[in-house]
Amino acid sequence: MHRRYTIHRDGDLLVEELDASGKPIDPEPVPAEDRLPIELTLLAPDGDANAKAALMDLVELALEMELEDEGDAKKRPKSFKLNVLS
C-alpha cells in the first residue's frame, strides 16, 4: 500500500496511489495551490490488517501531540467526515 492523502480546500479527501519511488501513478487533477498544506504518505504492506491498525494509532497519536493543550482537546470534534475522491 503506497498512498498519499491530501485535503482539497473544499474539504474533499484526495487519495493517490504511489509507485515505488513515491510518484503518483494517476495524479489527481488538482493543483498544489488548491490543496491544504497537509499531506500523509503511507507505505505499508497491502491487505495487512495490522498495518491499517498501526496507521490509525499513528494518526491518533499525531493528533494528540498536536492537541497537547487540554483546551484544544475539548474543542476537538468527535468526528469529521471527508468526501473521498480517488
N, C-alpha and C. Protein backbone atom coordinates (compact mmCIF):
# COMPACT_ATOMS: atom_id res chain seq x y z
N MET A 1 0.85 -1.16 0.00
CA MET A 1 0.00 0.00 0.00
C MET A 1 0.91 1.23 0.00
N HIS A 2 0.95 1.91 -1.10
CA HIS A 2 1.70 3.16 -1.23
C HIS A 2 0.69 4.22 -1.65
N ARG A 3 0.30 5.07 -0.70
CA ARG A 3 -0.71 6.08 -1.00
C ARG A 3 -0.33 7.42 -0.39
N ARG A 4 -0.84 8.47 -1.01
CA ARG A 4 -0.69 9.82 -0.47
C ARG A 4 -2.10 10.38 -0.28
N TYR A 5 -2.33 10.93 0.89
CA TYR A 5 -3.61 11.54 1.23
C TYR A 5 -3.38 13.04 1.41
N THR A 6 -4.16 13.85 0.73
CA THR A 6 -4.14 15.30 0.91
C THR A 6 -5.60 15.77 0.98
N ILE A 7 -5.78 17.01 1.40
CA ILE A 7 -7.13 17.55 1.53
C ILE A 7 -7.30 18.76 0.62
N HIS A 8 -8.35 18.73 -0.19
CA HIS A 8 -8.68 19.83 -1.08
C HIS A 8 -9.25 20.96 -0.24
N ARG A 9 -9.09 22.19 -0.68
CA ARG A 9 -9.60 23.34 0.07
C ARG A 9 -11.10 23.29 0.32
N ASP A 10 -11.85 22.57 -0.51
CA ASP A 10 -13.30 22.45 -0.28
C ASP A 10 -13.65 21.34 0.71
N GLY A 11 -12.63 20.65 1.25
CA GLY A 11 -12.84 19.63 2.25
C GLY A 11 -12.79 18.20 1.76
N ASP A 12 -12.68 17.98 0.44
CA ASP A 12 -12.60 16.63 -0.09
C ASP A 12 -11.24 16.01 0.20
N LEU A 13 -11.24 14.72 0.51
CA LEU A 13 -10.01 13.97 0.71
C LEU A 13 -9.54 13.45 -0.63
N LEU A 14 -8.30 13.72 -0.98
CA LEU A 14 -7.72 13.25 -2.24
C LEU A 14 -6.80 12.07 -1.93
N VAL A 15 -6.99 10.95 -2.63
CA VAL A 15 -6.20 9.74 -2.41
C VAL A 15 -5.49 9.41 -3.71
N GLU A 16 -4.16 9.28 -3.65
CA GLU A 16 -3.38 8.95 -4.84
C GLU A 16 -2.52 7.72 -4.58
N GLU A 17 -2.57 6.76 -5.47
CA GLU A 17 -1.70 5.59 -5.40
C GLU A 17 -0.31 6.03 -5.87
N LEU A 18 0.73 5.56 -5.17
CA LEU A 18 2.10 5.93 -5.50
C LEU A 18 2.87 4.72 -6.01
N ASP A 19 3.87 4.98 -6.88
CA ASP A 19 4.75 3.90 -7.31
C ASP A 19 5.85 3.72 -6.26
N ALA A 20 6.78 2.81 -6.51
CA ALA A 20 7.83 2.50 -5.53
C ALA A 20 8.73 3.70 -5.22
N SER A 21 8.81 4.65 -6.14
CA SER A 21 9.67 5.82 -5.92
C SER A 21 8.91 6.98 -5.26
N GLY A 22 7.61 6.78 -4.99
CA GLY A 22 6.83 7.81 -4.32
C GLY A 22 6.13 8.79 -5.24
N LYS A 23 6.14 8.53 -6.53
CA LYS A 23 5.46 9.39 -7.50
C LYS A 23 4.04 8.89 -7.73
N PRO A 24 3.05 9.80 -7.86
CA PRO A 24 1.67 9.36 -8.12
C PRO A 24 1.55 8.61 -9.44
N ILE A 25 0.85 7.48 -9.40
CA ILE A 25 0.63 6.68 -10.61
C ILE A 25 -0.38 7.38 -11.52
N ASP A 26 -1.48 7.81 -10.94
CA ASP A 26 -2.53 8.53 -11.67
C ASP A 26 -2.88 9.76 -10.84
N PRO A 27 -2.09 10.85 -10.97
CA PRO A 27 -2.27 12.02 -10.09
C PRO A 27 -3.65 12.65 -10.20
N GLU A 28 -4.14 13.13 -9.05
CA GLU A 28 -5.40 13.88 -9.04
C GLU A 28 -5.18 15.18 -9.82
N PRO A 29 -6.16 15.60 -10.63
CA PRO A 29 -6.01 16.83 -11.41
C PRO A 29 -6.30 18.08 -10.57
N VAL A 30 -5.63 18.17 -9.43
CA VAL A 30 -5.83 19.28 -8.50
C VAL A 30 -4.48 19.97 -8.28
N PRO A 31 -4.36 21.24 -8.64
CA PRO A 31 -3.09 21.93 -8.44
C PRO A 31 -2.73 22.08 -6.97
N ALA A 32 -1.46 22.18 -6.68
CA ALA A 32 -0.97 22.28 -5.30
C ALA A 32 -1.62 23.43 -4.54
N GLU A 33 -1.88 24.54 -5.20
CA GLU A 33 -2.46 25.70 -4.51
C GLU A 33 -3.90 25.46 -4.08
N ASP A 34 -4.57 24.43 -4.62
CA ASP A 34 -5.94 24.10 -4.21
C ASP A 34 -5.98 23.04 -3.11
N ARG A 35 -4.80 22.61 -2.66
CA ARG A 35 -4.71 21.61 -1.60
C ARG A 35 -4.29 22.29 -0.31
N LEU A 36 -4.83 21.81 0.81
CA LEU A 36 -4.39 22.33 2.10
C LEU A 36 -2.96 21.84 2.35
N PRO A 37 -2.19 22.57 3.15
CA PRO A 37 -0.80 22.16 3.38
C PRO A 37 -0.69 20.99 4.36
N ILE A 38 -1.47 19.94 4.10
CA ILE A 38 -1.48 18.74 4.93
C ILE A 38 -1.33 17.55 3.99
N GLU A 39 -0.39 16.67 4.32
CA GLU A 39 -0.18 15.50 3.47
C GLU A 39 0.23 14.33 4.35
N LEU A 40 -0.30 13.16 4.04
CA LEU A 40 0.08 11.93 4.70
C LEU A 40 0.47 10.95 3.62
N THR A 41 1.69 10.44 3.70
CA THR A 41 2.16 9.43 2.75
C THR A 41 2.26 8.12 3.50
N LEU A 42 1.62 7.08 2.99
CA LEU A 42 1.55 5.79 3.64
C LEU A 42 2.30 4.75 2.83
N LEU A 43 3.24 4.08 3.47
CA LEU A 43 3.95 2.97 2.86
C LEU A 43 3.78 1.78 3.79
N ALA A 44 2.97 0.81 3.40
CA ALA A 44 2.69 -0.35 4.24
C ALA A 44 2.34 -1.53 3.35
N PRO A 45 2.46 -2.74 3.89
CA PRO A 45 2.09 -3.92 3.10
C PRO A 45 0.61 -3.88 2.72
N ASP A 46 0.29 -4.31 1.50
CA ASP A 46 -1.10 -4.37 1.06
C ASP A 46 -1.88 -5.42 1.82
N GLY A 47 -3.12 -5.09 2.16
CA GLY A 47 -4.02 -6.05 2.77
C GLY A 47 -3.66 -6.48 4.17
N ASP A 48 -2.75 -5.80 4.83
CA ASP A 48 -2.32 -6.18 6.17
C ASP A 48 -3.16 -5.42 7.21
N ALA A 49 -4.03 -6.14 7.93
CA ALA A 49 -4.89 -5.50 8.92
C ALA A 49 -4.07 -4.85 10.02
N ASN A 50 -2.94 -5.45 10.40
CA ASN A 50 -2.10 -4.85 11.43
C ASN A 50 -1.52 -3.52 10.97
N ALA A 51 -1.18 -3.41 9.68
CA ALA A 51 -0.65 -2.15 9.15
C ALA A 51 -1.73 -1.08 9.20
N LYS A 52 -2.96 -1.45 8.89
CA LYS A 52 -4.06 -0.48 8.94
C LYS A 52 -4.32 -0.03 10.37
N ALA A 53 -4.27 -0.95 11.32
CA ALA A 53 -4.47 -0.59 12.72
C ALA A 53 -3.33 0.31 13.20
N ALA A 54 -2.10 0.01 12.78
CA ALA A 54 -0.96 0.84 13.17
C ALA A 54 -1.09 2.23 12.58
N LEU A 55 -1.63 2.34 11.36
CA LEU A 55 -1.85 3.65 10.74
C LEU A 55 -2.81 4.47 11.58
N MET A 56 -3.91 3.86 12.02
CA MET A 56 -4.88 4.59 12.84
C MET A 56 -4.25 5.03 14.16
N ASP A 57 -3.45 4.16 14.76
CA ASP A 57 -2.77 4.52 16.01
C ASP A 57 -1.83 5.70 15.78
N LEU A 58 -1.11 5.69 14.67
CA LEU A 58 -0.17 6.76 14.36
C LEU A 58 -0.90 8.09 14.15
N VAL A 59 -2.00 8.06 13.42
CA VAL A 59 -2.76 9.28 13.17
C VAL A 59 -3.34 9.82 14.47
N GLU A 60 -3.87 8.95 15.32
CA GLU A 60 -4.42 9.38 16.61
C GLU A 60 -3.33 9.96 17.50
N LEU A 61 -2.15 9.34 17.51
CA LEU A 61 -1.03 9.84 18.30
C LEU A 61 -0.60 11.22 17.81
N ALA A 62 -0.52 11.39 16.50
CA ALA A 62 -0.14 12.69 15.94
C ALA A 62 -1.16 13.75 16.32
N LEU A 63 -2.44 13.41 16.28
CA LEU A 63 -3.48 14.35 16.66
C LEU A 63 -3.34 14.74 18.13
N GLU A 64 -3.14 13.77 18.99
CA GLU A 64 -2.97 14.05 20.41
C GLU A 64 -1.76 14.94 20.66
N MET A 65 -0.67 14.71 19.92
CA MET A 65 0.52 15.54 20.09
C MET A 65 0.24 16.97 19.66
N GLU A 66 -0.56 17.15 18.62
CA GLU A 66 -0.88 18.49 18.14
C GLU A 66 -1.86 19.20 19.08
N LEU A 67 -2.65 18.43 19.82
CA LEU A 67 -3.65 19.00 20.72
C LEU A 67 -3.23 18.83 22.19
N GLU A 68 -1.96 19.04 22.48
CA GLU A 68 -1.46 18.83 23.84
C GLU A 68 -2.18 19.69 24.86
N ASP A 69 -2.57 20.89 24.50
CA ASP A 69 -3.28 21.77 25.41
C ASP A 69 -4.69 21.21 25.64
N GLU A 70 -5.08 21.04 26.91
CA GLU A 70 -6.40 20.47 27.22
C GLU A 70 -7.53 21.26 26.59
N GLY A 71 -7.40 22.57 26.51
CA GLY A 71 -8.44 23.39 25.91
C GLY A 71 -8.70 22.99 24.47
N ASP A 72 -7.63 22.71 23.72
CA ASP A 72 -7.79 22.29 22.33
C ASP A 72 -8.45 20.91 22.25
N ALA A 73 -8.07 20.02 23.16
CA ALA A 73 -8.62 18.66 23.14
C ALA A 73 -10.13 18.69 23.38
N LYS A 74 -10.60 19.59 24.23
CA LYS A 74 -12.04 19.68 24.49
C LYS A 74 -12.80 20.25 23.30
N LYS A 75 -12.13 21.06 22.49
CA LYS A 75 -12.78 21.66 21.33
C LYS A 75 -12.78 20.72 20.12
N ARG A 76 -12.01 19.64 20.21
CA ARG A 76 -11.87 18.73 19.09
C ARG A 76 -13.22 18.11 18.72
N PRO A 77 -13.57 18.06 17.45
CA PRO A 77 -14.82 17.42 17.06
C PRO A 77 -14.77 15.92 17.32
N LYS A 78 -15.93 15.33 17.60
CA LYS A 78 -15.99 13.88 17.82
C LYS A 78 -15.59 13.13 16.55
N SER A 79 -16.01 13.65 15.41
CA SER A 79 -15.61 13.05 14.13
C SER A 79 -15.74 14.12 13.05
N PHE A 80 -15.03 13.89 11.97
CA PHE A 80 -15.07 14.81 10.85
C PHE A 80 -15.06 13.97 9.59
N LYS A 81 -16.15 13.99 8.84
CA LYS A 81 -16.25 13.18 7.64
C LYS A 81 -15.75 13.96 6.44
N LEU A 82 -14.85 13.34 5.69
CA LEU A 82 -14.35 13.91 4.45
C LEU A 82 -14.91 13.12 3.28
N ASN A 83 -15.22 13.80 2.20
CA ASN A 83 -15.64 13.12 0.98
C ASN A 83 -14.39 12.58 0.31
N VAL A 84 -14.40 11.34 -0.13
CA VAL A 84 -13.22 10.71 -0.70
C VAL A 84 -13.30 10.75 -2.22
N LEU A 85 -12.24 11.27 -2.84
CA LEU A 85 -12.08 11.25 -4.29
C LEU A 85 -10.88 10.38 -4.58
N SER A 86 -11.02 9.40 -5.43
CA SER A 86 -9.85 8.58 -5.78
C SER A 86 -9.95 8.12 -7.21
